[in-house]
PDB file of N, CA and C in Angstrom:
ATOM      1  N   MET A   1      22.256   5.987  -9.532  1.00  0.00           N
ATOM      2  CA  MET A   1      21.133   5.271 -10.099  1.00  0.00           C
ATOM      3  C   MET A   1      21.342   3.753 -10.043  1.00  0.00           C
ATOM      4  N   THR A   2      22.587   3.317 -10.073  1.00  0.00           N
ATOM      5  CA  THR A   2      22.834   1.874 -10.045  1.00  0.00           C
ATOM      6  C   THR A   2      22.662   1.273  -8.662  1.00  0.00           C
ATOM      7  N   VAL A   3      22.522   2.112  -7.633  1.00  0.00           N
ATOM      8  CA  VAL A   3      22.317   1.582  -6.288  1.00  0.00           C
ATOM      9  C   VAL A   3      20.955   0.903  -6.193  1.00  0.00           C
ATOM     10  N   PHE A   4      19.931   1.538  -6.770  1.00  0.00           N
ATOM     11  CA  PHE A   4      18.585   0.974  -6.708  1.00  0.00           C
ATOM     12  C   PHE A   4      18.341  -0.061  -7.802  1.00  0.00           C
ATOM     13  N   TRP A   5      18.750   0.262  -9.024  1.00  0.00           N
ATOM     14  CA  TRP A   5      18.408  -0.564 -10.169  1.00  0.00           C
ATOM     15  C   TRP A   5      19.646  -0.897 -10.987  1.00  0.00           C
ATOM     16  N   PRO A   6      20.409  -1.903 -10.585  1.00  0.00           N
ATOM     17  CA  PRO A   6      21.643  -2.207 -11.310  1.00  0.00           C
ATOM     18  C   PRO A   6      21.418  -2.759 -12.711  1.00  0.00           C
ATOM     19  N   ASP A   7      20.236  -3.251 -13.016  1.00  0.00           N
ATOM     20  CA  ASP A   7      19.989  -3.841 -14.336  1.00  0.00           C
ATOM     21  C   ASP A   7      19.074  -2.977 -15.195  1.00  0.00           C
ATOM     22  N   GLY A   8      18.966  -1.705 -14.913  1.00  0.00           N
ATOM     23  CA  GLY A   8      18.175  -0.822 -15.753  1.00  0.00           C
ATOM     24  C   GLY A   8      16.796  -0.514 -15.209  1.00  0.00           C
ATOM     25  N   GLY A   9      16.377  -1.140 -14.148  1.00  0.00           N
ATOM     26  CA  GLY A   9      15.110  -0.792 -13.529  1.00  0.00           C
ATOM     27  C   GLY A   9      13.938  -1.686 -13.864  1.00  0.00           C
ATOM     28  N   TRP A  10      14.099  -2.606 -14.791  1.00  0.00           N
ATOM     29  CA  TRP A  10      12.961  -3.451 -15.153  1.00  0.00           C
ATOM     30  C   TRP A  10      12.566  -4.390 -14.025  1.00  0.00           C
ATOM     31  N   THR A  11      13.543  -4.903 -13.312  1.00  0.00           N
ATOM     32  CA  THR A  11      13.197  -5.784 -12.197  1.00  0.00           C
ATOM     33  C   THR A  11      12.521  -5.004 -11.079  1.00  0.00           C
ATOM     34  N   PHE A  12      12.977  -3.789 -10.850  1.00  0.00           N
ATOM     35  CA  PHE A  12      12.321  -2.947  -9.845  1.00  0.00           C
ATOM     36  C   PHE A  12      10.885  -2.660 -10.255  1.00  0.00           C
ATOM     37  N   PHE A  13      10.683  -2.351 -11.521  1.00  0.00           N
ATOM     38  CA  PHE A  13       9.329  -2.048 -11.995  1.00  0.00           C
ATOM     39  C   PHE A  13       8.411  -3.252 -11.844  1.00  0.00           C
ATOM     40  N   PHE A  14       8.831  -4.409 -12.343  1.00  0.00           N
ATOM     41  CA  PHE A  14       7.935  -5.557 -12.331  1.00  0.00           C
ATOM     42  C   PHE A  14       7.801  -6.206 -10.959  1.00  0.00           C
ATOM     43  N   LEU A  15       8.918  -6.406 -10.256  1.00  0.00           N
ATOM     44  CA  LEU A  15       8.827  -7.076  -8.961  1.00  0.00           C
ATOM     45  C   LEU A  15       8.289  -6.158  -7.868  1.00  0.00           C
ATOM     46  N   THR A  16       8.816  -4.945  -7.800  1.00  0.00           N
ATOM     47  CA  THR A  16       8.438  -4.074  -6.695  1.00  0.00           C
ATOM     48  C   THR A  16       7.133  -3.345  -6.962  1.00  0.00           C
ATOM     49  N   ILE A  17       7.044  -2.693  -8.098  1.00  0.00           N
ATOM     50  CA  ILE A  17       5.860  -1.865  -8.350  1.00  0.00           C
ATOM     51  C   ILE A  17       4.651  -2.711  -8.742  1.00  0.00           C
ATOM     52  N   VAL A  18       4.817  -3.602  -9.688  1.00  0.00           N
ATOM     53  CA  VAL A  18       3.665  -4.370 -10.177  1.00  0.00           C
ATOM     54  C   VAL A  18       3.273  -5.478  -9.192  1.00  0.00           C
ATOM     55  N   LEU A  19       4.205  -6.398  -8.891  1.00  0.00           N
ATOM     56  CA  LEU A  19       3.869  -7.510  -8.002  1.00  0.00           C
ATOM     57  C   LEU A  19       3.732  -7.062  -6.554  1.00  0.00           C
ATOM     58  N   GLY A  20       4.763  -6.414  -6.032  1.00  0.00           N
ATOM     59  CA  GLY A  20       4.737  -5.989  -4.632  1.00  0.00           C
ATOM     60  C   GLY A  20       3.705  -4.914  -4.361  1.00  0.00           C
ATOM     61  N   GLY A  21       3.613  -3.927  -5.261  1.00  0.00           N
ATOM     62  CA  GLY A  21       2.623  -2.863  -5.090  1.00  0.00           C
ATOM     63  C   GLY A  21       1.203  -3.384  -5.161  1.00  0.00           C
ATOM     64  N   GLY A  22       0.967  -4.345  -6.045  1.00  0.00           N
ATOM     65  CA  GLY A  22      -0.365  -4.953  -6.122  1.00  0.00           C
ATOM     66  C   GLY A  22      -0.700  -5.737  -4.868  1.00  0.00           C
ATOM     67  N   ALA A  23       0.272  -6.471  -4.357  1.00  0.00           N
ATOM     68  CA  ALA A  23       0.044  -7.223  -3.111  1.00  0.00           C
ATOM     69  C   ALA A  23      -0.166  -6.274  -1.934  1.00  0.00           C
ATOM     70  N   ALA A  24       0.582  -5.180  -1.897  1.00  0.00           N
ATOM     71  CA  ALA A  24       0.414  -4.198  -0.823  1.00  0.00           C
ATOM     72  C   ALA A  24      -0.942  -3.511  -0.919  1.00  0.00           C
ATOM     73  N   TYR A  25      -1.381  -3.206  -2.143  1.00  0.00           N
ATOM     74  CA  TYR A  25      -2.700  -2.606  -2.341  1.00  0.00           C
ATOM     75  C   TYR A  25      -3.797  -3.538  -1.818  1.00  0.00           C
ATOM     76  N   MET A  26      -3.687  -4.817  -2.154  1.00  0.00           N
ATOM     77  CA  MET A  26      -4.678  -5.780  -1.685  1.00  0.00           C
ATOM     78  C   MET A  26      -4.587  -5.974  -0.167  1.00  0.00           C
ATOM     79  N   SER A  27      -3.395  -5.892   0.394  1.00  0.00           N
ATOM     80  CA  SER A  27      -3.255  -5.968   1.846  1.00  0.00           C
ATOM     81  C   SER A  27      -3.917  -4.773   2.514  1.00  0.00           C
ATOM     82  N   GLY A  28      -3.739  -3.598   1.933  1.00  0.00           N
ATOM     83  CA  GLY A  28      -4.398  -2.405   2.468  1.00  0.00           C
ATOM     84  C   GLY A  28      -5.909  -2.531   2.420  1.00  0.00           C
ATOM     85  N   ARG A  29      -6.423  -3.071   1.334  1.00  0.00           N
ATOM     86  CA  ARG A  29      -7.864  -3.280   1.236  1.00  0.00           C
ATOM     87  C   ARG A  29      -8.349  -4.283   2.273  1.00  0.00           C
ATOM     88  N   ALA A  30      -7.581  -5.350   2.494  1.00  0.00           N
ATOM     89  CA  ALA A  30      -7.974  -6.373   3.466  1.00  0.00           C
ATOM     90  C   ALA A  30      -7.964  -5.818   4.884  1.00  0.00           C
ATOM     91  N   VAL A  31      -6.956  -5.032   5.218  1.00  0.00           N
ATOM     92  CA  VAL A  31      -6.884  -4.445   6.565  1.00  0.00           C
ATOM     93  C   VAL A  31      -8.048  -3.482   6.774  1.00  0.00           C
ATOM     94  N   ALA A  32      -8.336  -2.657   5.787  1.00  0.00           N
ATOM     95  CA  ALA A  32      -9.434  -1.693   5.928  1.00  0.00           C
ATOM     96  C   ALA A  32     -10.791  -2.385   5.955  1.00  0.00           C
ATOM     97  N   SER A  33     -10.974  -3.406   5.146  1.00  0.00           N
ATOM     98  CA  SER A  33     -12.291  -4.043   5.079  1.00  0.00           C
ATOM     99  C   SER A  33     -12.617  -4.836   6.342  1.00  0.00           C
ATOM    100  N   THR A  34     -11.613  -5.202   7.122  1.00  0.00           N
ATOM    101  CA  THR A  34     -11.865  -5.874   8.391  1.00  0.00           C
ATOM    102  C   THR A  34     -11.807  -4.897   9.566  1.00  0.00           C
ATOM    103  N   TRP A  35     -11.778  -3.601   9.285  1.00  0.00           N
ATOM    104  CA  TRP A  35     -11.806  -2.528  10.275  1.00  0.00           C
ATOM    105  C   TRP A  35     -10.637  -2.619  11.254  1.00  0.00           C
ATOM    106  N   ARG A  36      -9.490  -3.004  10.769  1.00  0.00           N
ATOM    107  CA  ARG A  36      -8.301  -3.083  11.620  1.00  0.00           C
ATOM    108  C   ARG A  36      -7.509  -1.787  11.533  1.00  0.00           C
ATOM    109  N   PRO A  37      -6.657  -1.511  12.520  1.00  0.00           N
ATOM    110  CA  PRO A  37      -5.894  -0.259  12.512  1.00  0.00           C
ATOM    111  C   PRO A  37      -4.797  -0.269  11.449  1.00  0.00           C
ATOM    112  N   ILE A  38      -4.395   0.910  11.063  1.00  0.00           N
ATOM    113  CA  ILE A  38      -3.419   1.055   9.989  1.00  0.00           C
ATOM    114  C   ILE A  38      -2.035   0.552  10.396  1.00  0.00           C
ATOM    115  N   GLY A  39      -1.790   0.412  11.680  1.00  0.00           N
ATOM    116  CA  GLY A  39      -0.518  -0.129  12.147  1.00  0.00           C
ATOM    117  C   GLY A  39      -0.271  -1.547  11.665  1.00  0.00           C
ATOM    118  N   GLN A  40      -1.321  -2.318  11.501  1.00  0.00           N
ATOM    119  CA  GLN A  40      -1.162  -3.671  10.982  1.00  0.00           C
ATOM    120  C   GLN A  40      -0.684  -3.641   9.541  1.00  0.00           C
ATOM    121  N   LEU A  41      -1.113  -2.635   8.800  1.00  0.00           N
ATOM    122  CA  LEU A  41      -0.667  -2.504   7.419  1.00  0.00           C
ATOM    123  C   LEU A  41       0.836  -2.253   7.361  1.00  0.00           C
ATOM    124  N   LEU A  42       1.362  -1.488   8.298  1.00  0.00           N
ATOM    125  CA  LEU A  42       2.804  -1.263   8.337  1.00  0.00           C
ATOM    126  C   LEU A  42       3.559  -2.577   8.521  1.00  0.00           C
ATOM    127  N   PHE A  43       3.063  -3.412   9.403  1.00  0.00           N
ATOM    128  CA  PHE A  43       3.687  -4.716   9.621  1.00  0.00           C
ATOM    129  C   PHE A  43       3.613  -5.581   8.367  1.00  0.00           C
ATOM    130  N   TYR A  44       2.462  -5.614   7.710  1.00  0.00           N
ATOM    131  CA  TYR A  44       2.310  -6.418   6.502  1.00  0.00           C
ATOM    132  C   TYR A  44       3.207  -5.906   5.379  1.00  0.00           C
ATOM    133  N   CYS A  45       3.342  -4.593   5.248  1.00  0.00           N
ATOM    134  CA  CYS A  45       4.228  -4.038   4.221  1.00  0.00           C
ATOM    135  C   CYS A  45       5.686  -4.345   4.530  1.00  0.00           C
ATOM    136  N   LEU A  46       6.032  -4.404   5.790  1.00  0.00           N
ATOM    137  CA  LEU A  46       7.390  -4.785   6.179  1.00  0.00           C
ATOM    138  C   LEU A  46       7.675  -6.226   5.760  1.00  0.00           C
ATOM    139  N   LEU A  47       6.732  -7.116   6.003  1.00  0.00           N
ATOM    140  CA  LEU A  47       6.900  -8.509   5.571  1.00  0.00           C
ATOM    141  C   LEU A  47       6.944  -8.622   4.048  1.00  0.00           C
ATOM    142  N   LEU A  48       6.080  -7.884   3.373  1.00  0.00           N
ATOM    143  CA  LEU A  48       6.077  -7.920   1.911  1.00  0.00           C
ATOM    144  C   LEU A  48       7.378  -7.384   1.332  1.00  0.00           C
ATOM    145  N   SER A  49       7.932  -6.349   1.947  1.00  0.00           N
ATOM    146  CA  SER A  49       9.182  -5.795   1.423  1.00  0.00           C
ATOM    147  C   SER A  49      10.335  -6.787   1.595  1.00  0.00           C
ATOM    148  N   ALA A  50      10.324  -7.551   2.676  1.00  0.00           N
ATOM    149  CA  ALA A  50      11.337  -8.601   2.835  1.00  0.00           C
ATOM    150  C   ALA A  50      11.178  -9.674   1.764  1.00  0.00           C
ATOM    151  N   PHE A  51       9.944 -10.009   1.441  1.00  0.00           N
ATOM    152  CA  PHE A  51       9.698 -11.009   0.397  1.00  0.00           C
ATOM    153  C   PHE A  51      10.108 -10.489  -0.978  1.00  0.00           C
ATOM    154  N   VAL A  52       9.771  -9.243  -1.283  1.00  0.00           N
ATOM    155  CA  VAL A  52      10.153  -8.650  -2.569  1.00  0.00           C
ATOM    156  C   VAL A  52      11.673  -8.571  -2.677  1.00  0.00           C
ATOM    157  N   ARG A  53      12.344  -8.212  -1.589  1.00  0.00           N
ATOM    158  CA  ARG A  53      13.808  -8.167  -1.586  1.00  0.00           C
ATOM    159  C   ARG A  53      14.374  -9.568  -1.840  1.00  0.00           C
ATOM    160  N   PHE A  54      13.742 -10.596  -1.256  1.00  0.00           N
ATOM    161  CA  PHE A  54      14.187 -11.963  -1.504  1.00  0.00           C
ATOM    162  C   PHE A  54      13.994 -12.348  -2.970  1.00  0.00           C
ATOM    163  N   LEU A  55      12.897 -11.924  -3.584  1.00  0.00           N
ATOM    164  CA  LEU A  55      12.691 -12.217  -5.004  1.00  0.00           C
ATOM    165  C   LEU A  55      13.766 -11.565  -5.867  1.00  0.00           C
ATOM    166  N   HIS A  56      14.135 -10.339  -5.539  1.00  0.00           N
ATOM    167  CA  HIS A  56      15.228  -9.681  -6.261  1.00  0.00           C
ATOM    168  C   HIS A  56      16.521 -10.488  -6.118  1.00  0.00           C
ATOM    169  N   PHE A  57      16.766 -10.984  -4.921  1.00  0.00           N
ATOM    170  CA  PHE A  57      17.967 -11.774  -4.647  1.00  0.00           C
ATOM    171  C   PHE A  57      17.928 -13.116  -5.377  1.00  0.00           C
ATOM    172  N   ALA A  58      16.824 -13.823  -5.259  1.00  0.00           N
ATOM    173  CA  ALA A  58      16.740 -15.183  -5.792  1.00  0.00           C
ATOM    174  C   ALA A  58      16.667 -15.217  -7.315  1.00  0.00           C
ATOM    175  N   LEU A  59      15.972 -14.268  -7.904  1.00  0.00           N
ATOM    176  CA  LEU A  59      15.769 -14.313  -9.346  1.00  0.00           C
ATOM    177  C   LEU A  59      16.800 -13.527 -10.142  1.00  0.00           C
ATOM    178  N   PHE A  60      17.330 -12.446  -9.568  1.00  0.00           N
ATOM    179  CA  PHE A  60      18.176 -11.555 -10.353  1.00  0.00           C
ATOM    180  C   PHE A  60      19.517 -11.241  -9.700  1.00  0.00           C
ATOM    181  N   ASP A  61      19.931 -12.026  -8.715  1.00  0.00           N
ATOM    182  CA  ASP A  61      21.232 -11.887  -8.055  1.00  0.00           C
ATOM    183  C   ASP A  61      21.474 -10.512  -7.442  1.00  0.00           C
ATOM    184  N   ALA A  62      20.462  -9.893  -6.927  1.00  0.00           N
ATOM    185  CA  ALA A  62      20.634  -8.625  -6.218  1.00  0.00           C
ATOM    186  C   ALA A  62      21.104  -8.930  -4.797  1.00  0.00           C
ATOM    187  N   LYS A  63      21.626  -7.929  -4.125  1.00  0.00           N
ATOM    188  CA  LYS A  63      22.064  -8.125  -2.749  1.00  0.00           C
ATOM    189  C   LYS A  63      20.844  -8.295  -1.846  1.00  0.00           C
ATOM    190  N   LEU A  64      20.893  -9.304  -1.006  1.00  0.00           N
ATOM    191  CA  LEU A  64      19.748  -9.601  -0.148  1.00  0.00           C
ATOM    192  C   LEU A  64      19.619  -8.603   0.991  1.00  0.00           C
ATOM    193  N   LEU A  65      20.702  -8.277   1.643  1.00  0.00           N
ATOM    194  CA  LEU A  65      20.655  -7.431   2.829  1.00  0.00           C
ATOM    195  C   LEU A  65      21.103  -6.001   2.540  1.00  0.00           C
ATOM    196  N   ALA A  66      20.819  -5.499   1.377  1.00  0.00           N
ATOM    197  CA  ALA A  66      21.150  -4.111   1.034  1.00  0.00           C
ATOM    198  C   ALA A  66      20.063  -3.201   1.592  1.00  0.00           C
ATOM    199  N   PHE A  67      20.457  -2.221   2.374  1.00  0.00           N
ATOM    200  CA  PHE A  67      19.488  -1.373   3.062  1.00  0.00           C
ATOM    201  C   PHE A  67      18.782  -0.396   2.117  1.00  0.00           C
ATOM    202  N   THR A  68      19.524   0.257   1.244  1.00  0.00           N
ATOM    203  CA  THR A  68      18.929   1.282   0.376  1.00  0.00           C
ATOM    204  C   THR A  68      17.894   0.705  -0.591  1.00  0.00           C
ATOM    205  N   PRO A  69      18.169  -0.392  -1.299  1.00  0.00           N
ATOM    206  CA  PRO A  69      17.115  -0.957  -2.157  1.00  0.00           C
ATOM    207  C   PRO A  69      15.914  -1.469  -1.355  1.00  0.00           C
ATOM    208  N   TRP A  70      16.169  -2.022  -0.167  1.00  0.00           N
ATOM    209  CA  TRP A  70      15.045  -2.475   0.657  1.00  0.00           C
ATOM    210  C   TRP A  70      14.181  -1.281   1.065  1.00  0.00           C
ATOM    211  N   LEU A  71      14.815  -0.163   1.392  1.00  0.00           N
ATOM    212  CA  LEU A  71      14.065   1.023   1.772  1.00  0.00           C
ATOM    213  C   LEU A  71      13.214   1.542   0.610  1.00  0.00           C
ATOM    214  N   ALA A  72      13.757   1.478  -0.595  1.00  0.00           N
ATOM    215  CA  ALA A  72      12.979   1.875  -1.777  1.00  0.00           C
ATOM    216  C   ALA A  72      11.794   0.940  -1.983  1.00  0.00           C
ATOM    217  N   ASP A  73      12.023  -0.361  -1.822  1.00  0.00           N
ATOM    218  CA  ASP A  73      10.928  -1.328  -1.938  1.00  0.00           C
ATOM    219  C   ASP A  73       9.861  -1.069  -0.879  1.00  0.00           C
ATOM    220  N   PHE A  74      10.296  -0.843   0.354  1.00  0.00           N
ATOM    221  CA  PHE A  74       9.370  -0.596   1.455  1.00  0.00           C
ATOM    222  C   PHE A  74       8.543   0.668   1.212  1.00  0.00           C
ATOM    223  N   ALA A  75       9.164   1.715   0.701  1.00  0.00           N
ATOM    224  CA  ALA A  75       8.439   2.960   0.423  1.00  0.00           C
ATOM    225  C   ALA A  75       7.373   2.755  -0.652  1.00  0.00           C
ATOM    226  N   VAL A  76       7.717   2.032  -1.702  1.00  0.00           N
ATOM    227  CA  VAL A  76       6.738   1.771  -2.767  1.00  0.00           C
ATOM    228  C   VAL A  76       5.584   0.927  -2.233  1.00  0.00           C
ATOM    229  N   LEU A  77       5.882  -0.067  -1.413  1.00  0.00           N
ATOM    230  CA  LEU A  77       4.829  -0.920  -0.860  1.00  0.00           C
ATOM    231  C   LEU A  77       3.949  -0.153   0.119  1.00  0.00           C
ATOM    232  N   LEU A  78       4.535   0.759   0.873  1.00  0.00           N
ATOM    233  CA  LEU A  78       3.717   1.587   1.767  1.00  0.00           C
ATOM    234  C   LEU A  78       2.754   2.464   0.988  1.00  0.00           C
ATOM    235  N   ILE A  79       3.223   3.033  -0.105  1.00  0.00           N
ATOM    236  CA  ILE A  79       2.348   3.867  -0.929  1.00  0.00           C
ATOM    237  C   ILE A  79       1.179   3.037  -1.468  1.00  0.00           C
ATOM    238  N   GLY A  80       1.477   1.854  -2.001  1.00  0.00           N
ATOM    239  CA  GLY A  80       0.410   0.983  -2.501  1.00  0.00           C
ATOM    240  C   GLY A  80      -0.539   0.533  -1.410  1.00  0.00           C
ATOM    241  N   GLY A  81      -0.001   0.201  -0.250  1.00  0.00           N
ATOM    242  CA  GLY A  81      -0.834  -0.243   0.862  1.00  0.00           C
ATOM    243  C   GLY A  81      -1.722   0.864   1.400  1.00  0.00           C
ATOM    244  N   PHE A  82      -1.159   2.051   1.579  1.00  0.00           N
ATOM    245  CA  PHE A  82      -1.955   3.181   2.064  1.00  0.00           C
ATOM    246  C   PHE A  82      -3.027   3.581   1.053  1.00  0.00           C
ATOM    247  N   LEU A  83      -2.715   3.469  -0.229  1.00  0.00           N
ATOM    248  CA  LEU A  83      -3.707   3.782  -1.262  1.00  0.00           C
ATOM    249  C   LEU A  83      -4.891   2.821  -1.168  1.00  0.00           C
ATOM    250  N   GLY A  84      -4.622   1.526  -1.074  1.00  0.00           N
ATOM    251  CA  GLY A  84      -5.700   0.550  -0.939  1.00  0.00           C
ATOM    252  C   GLY A  84      -6.484   0.726   0.345  1.00  0.00           C
ATOM    253  N   TYR A  85      -5.784   1.026   1.435  1.00  0.00           N
ATOM    254  CA  TYR A  85      -6.438   1.225   2.730  1.00  0.00           C
ATOM    255  C   TYR A  85      -7.378   2.426   2.686  1.00  0.00           C
ATOM    256  N   ARG A  86      -6.873   3.526   2.197  1.00  0.00           N
ATOM    257  CA  ARG A  86      -7.671   4.761   2.236  1.00  0.00           C
ATOM    258  C   ARG A  86      -8.870   4.694   1.290  1.00  0.00           C
ATOM    259  N   LEU A  87      -8.675   4.174   0.093  1.00  0.00           N
ATOM    260  CA  LEU A  87      -9.798   4.077  -0.843  1.00  0.00           C
ATOM    261  C   LEU A  87     -10.893   3.160  -0.298  1.00  0.00           C
ATOM    262  N   THR A  88     -10.485   2.071   0.334  1.00  0.00           N
ATOM    263  CA  THR A  88     -11.468   1.157   0.910  1.00  0.00           C
ATOM    264  C   THR A  88     -12.167   1.773   2.110  1.00  0.00           C
ATOM    265  N   ARG A  89     -11.418   2.474   2.962  1.00  0.00           N
ATOM    266  CA  ARG A  89     -12.021   3.079   4.146  1.00  0.00           C
ATOM    267  C   ARG A  89     -13.019   4.174   3.753  1.00  0.00           C
ATOM    268  N   VAL A  90     -12.708   4.974   2.752  1.00  0.00           N
ATOM    269  CA  VAL A  90     -13.646   6.007   2.297  1.00  0.00           C
ATOM    270  C   VAL A  90     -14.909   5.355   1.757  1.00  0.00           C
ATOM    271  N   ARG A  91     -14.754   4.304   0.950  1.00  0.00           N
ATOM    272  CA  ARG A  91     -15.930   3.610   0.421  1.00  0.00           C
ATOM    273  C   ARG A  91     -16.771   3.024   1.550  1.00  0.00           C
ATOM    274  N   GLN A  92     -16.122   2.471   2.575  1.00  0.00           N
ATOM    275  CA  GLN A  92     -16.863   1.917   3.710  1.00  0.00           C
ATOM    276  C   GLN A  92     -17.650   3.003   4.431  1.00  0.00           C
ATOM    277  N   MET A  93     -17.026   4.103   4.712  1.00  0.00           N
ATOM    278  CA  MET A  93     -17.669   5.152   5.503  1.00  0.00           C
ATOM    279  C   MET A  93     -18.871   5.756   4.783  1.00  0.00           C
ATOM    280  N   VAL A  94     -18.725   5.995   3.476  1.00  0.00           N
ATOM    281  CA  VAL A  94     -19.846   6.624   2.767  1.00  0.00           C
ATOM    282  C   VAL A  94     -20.917   5.622   2.376  1.00  0.00           C
ATOM    283  N   THR A  95     -20.611   4.328   2.396  1.00  0.00           N
ATOM    284  CA  THR A  95     -21.609   3.312   2.090  1.00  0.00           C
ATOM    285  C   THR A  95     -22.347   2.862   3.339  1.00  0.00           C
ATOM    286  N   GLN A  96     -21.619   2.553   4.390  1.00  0.00           N
ATOM    287  CA  GLN A  96     -22.245   2.012   5.586  1.00  0.00           C
ATOM    288  C   GLN A  96     -22.857   3.086   6.484  1.00  0.00           C
ATOM    289  N   TYR A  97     -22.353   4.294   6.378  1.00  0.00           N
ATOM    290  CA  TYR A  97     -22.873   5.397   7.190  1.00  0.00           C
ATOM    291  C   TYR A  97     -23.317   6.536   6.286  1.00  0.00           C
ATOM    292  N   ARG A  98     -24.147   6.220   5.314  1.00  0.00           N
ATOM    293  CA  ARG A  98     -24.518   7.224   4.314  1.00  0.00           C
ATOM    294  C   ARG A  98     -25.359   8.351   4.892  1.00  0.00           C
ATOM    295  N   TRP A  99     -26.018   8.140   6.009  1.00  0.00           N
ATOM    296  CA  TRP A  99     -26.784   9.210   6.630  1.00  0.00           C
ATOM    297  C   TRP A  99     -25.884  10.189   7.389  1.00  0.00           C
ATOM    298  N   LEU A 100     -24.643   9.789   7.681  1.00  0.00           N
ATOM    299  CA  LEU A 100     -23.709  10.658   8.404  1.00  0.00           C
ATOM    300  C   LEU A 100     -22.659  11.308   7.513  1.00  0.00           C
ATOM    301  N   TYR A 101     -22.195  10.574   6.490  1.00  0.00           N
ATOM    302  CA  TYR A 101     -21.055  11.043   5.711  1.00  0.00           C
ATOM    303  C   TYR A 101     -21.346  11.035   4.231  1.00  0.00           C
ATOM    304  N   ARG A 102     -20.661  11.919   3.526  1.00  0.00           N
ATOM    305  CA  ARG A 102     -20.693  11.917   2.066  1.00  0.00           C
ATOM    306  C   ARG A 102     -19.258  12.022   1.576  1.00  0.00           C
ATOM    307  N   ARG A 103     -19.036  11.588   0.366  1.00  0.00           N
ATOM    308  CA  ARG A 103     -17.694  11.581  -0.204  1.00  0.00           C
ATOM    309  C   ARG A 103     -17.251  13.017  -0.480  1.00  0.00           C
ATOM    310  N   ALA A 104     -16.001  13.306  -0.124  1.00  0.00           N
ATOM    311  CA  ALA A 104     -15.435  14.632  -0.362  1.00  0.00           C
ATOM    312  C   ALA A 104     -14.192  14.511  -1.237  1.00  0.00           C
ATOM    313  N   GLY A 105     -14.172  13.552  -2.111  1.00  0.00           N
ATOM    314  CA  GLY A 105     -13.027  13.282  -2.966  1.00  0.00           C
ATOM    315  C   GLY A 105     -12.674  11.811  -2.881  1.00  0.00           C
ATOM    316  N   PRO A 106     -11.679  11.387  -3.622  1.00  0.00           N
ATOM    317  CA  PRO A 106     -11.351   9.963  -3.598  1.00  0.00           C
ATOM    318  C   PRO A 106     -10.727   9.494  -2.296  1.00  0.00           C
ATOM    319  N   PHE A 107     -10.138  10.399  -1.512  1.00  0.00           N
ATOM    320  CA  PHE A 107      -9.425  10.000  -0.306  1.00  0.00           C
ATOM    321  C   PHE A 107     -10.015  10.531   0.983  1.00  0.00           C
ATOM    322  N   SER A 108     -11.193  11.111   0.944  1.00  0.00           N
ATOM    323  CA  SER A 108     -11.746  11.651   2.188  1.00  0.00           C
ATOM    324  C   SER A 108     -13.270  11.663   2.142  1.00  0.00           C
ATOM    325  N   TRP A 109     -13.858  11.842   3.315  1.00  0.00           N
ATOM    326  CA  TRP A 109     -15.300  11.983   3.456  1.00  0.00           C
ATOM    327  C   TRP A 109     -15.576  13.179   4.344  1.00  0.00           C
ATOM    328  N   ARG A 110     -16.804  13.627   4.292  1.00  0.00           N
ATOM    329  CA  ARG A 110     -17.208  14.808   5.046  1.00  0.00           C
ATOM    330  C   ARG A 110     -18.556  14.528   5.703  1.00  0.00           C
ATOM    331  N   ALA A 111     -18.776  15.140   6.864  1.00  0.00           N
ATOM    332  CA  ALA A 111     -20.045  14.967   7.564  1.00  0.00           C
ATOM    333  C   ALA A 111     -21.169  15.653   6.778  1.00  0.00           C
ATOM    334  N   ARG A 112     -22.298  15.008   6.739  1.00  0.00           N
ATOM    335  CA  ARG A 112     -23.455  15.609   6.082  1.00  0.00           C
ATOM    336  C   ARG A 112     -24.029  16.705   6.980  1.00  0.00           C
ATOM    337  N   GLU A 113     -24.655  17.673   6.344  1.00  0.00           N
ATOM    338  CA  GLU A 113     -25.335  18.725   7.087  1.00  0.00           C
ATOM    339  C   GLU A 113     -26.640  18.161   7.646  1.00  0.00           C
ATOM    340  N   GLN A 114     -26.853  18.364   8.915  1.00  0.00           N
ATOM    341  CA  GLN A 114     -28.059  17.866   9.565  1.00  0.00           C
ATOM    342  C   GLN A 114     -29.106  18.974   9.564  1.00  0.00           C
ATOM    343  N   HIS A 115     -30.268  18.698   8.994  1.00  0.00           N
ATOM    344  CA  HIS A 115     -31.369  19.658   8.968  1.00  0.00           C
ATOM    345  C   HIS A 115     -32.395  19.236  10.000  1.00  0.00           C
ATOM    346  N   LEU A 116     -32.526  20.023  11.010  1.00  0.00           N
ATOM    347  CA  LEU A 116     -33.513  19.748  12.054  1.00  0.00           C
ATOM    348  C   LEU A 116     -34.782  20.538  11.755  1.00  0.00           C
ATOM    349  N   GLU A 117     -35.883  19.852  11.723  1.00  0.00           N
ATOM    350  CA  GLU A 117     -37.161  20.530  11.451  1.00  0.00           C
ATOM    351  C   GLU A 117     -38.161  20.195  12.487  1.00  0.00           C
TER     352      GLU A 117
END
């Protein structure tokens, strides 16, 4: 447990989950709202995870180039980024193409039934 959170986990919670996760969520929304591919989100989350790792290093004397904590940060940021991306993409599809799609839950859409008369 001390590999990820040597000081009890509060820095991980606030820096990685709250600050980094919020930034990743907003990055996911920005990528989806400009209709860009999800691969760009991976790149942005990689940059954000390096920044979050630097904040851990600069503010709380954590190891800068530690692979395992960086991987944990990257995983949390990917989850936040994918959540923002998917929620925004579903909202876009059911709003802009309402004659074709309807919402099938918070993370997906479904084709509408076409009635030919």
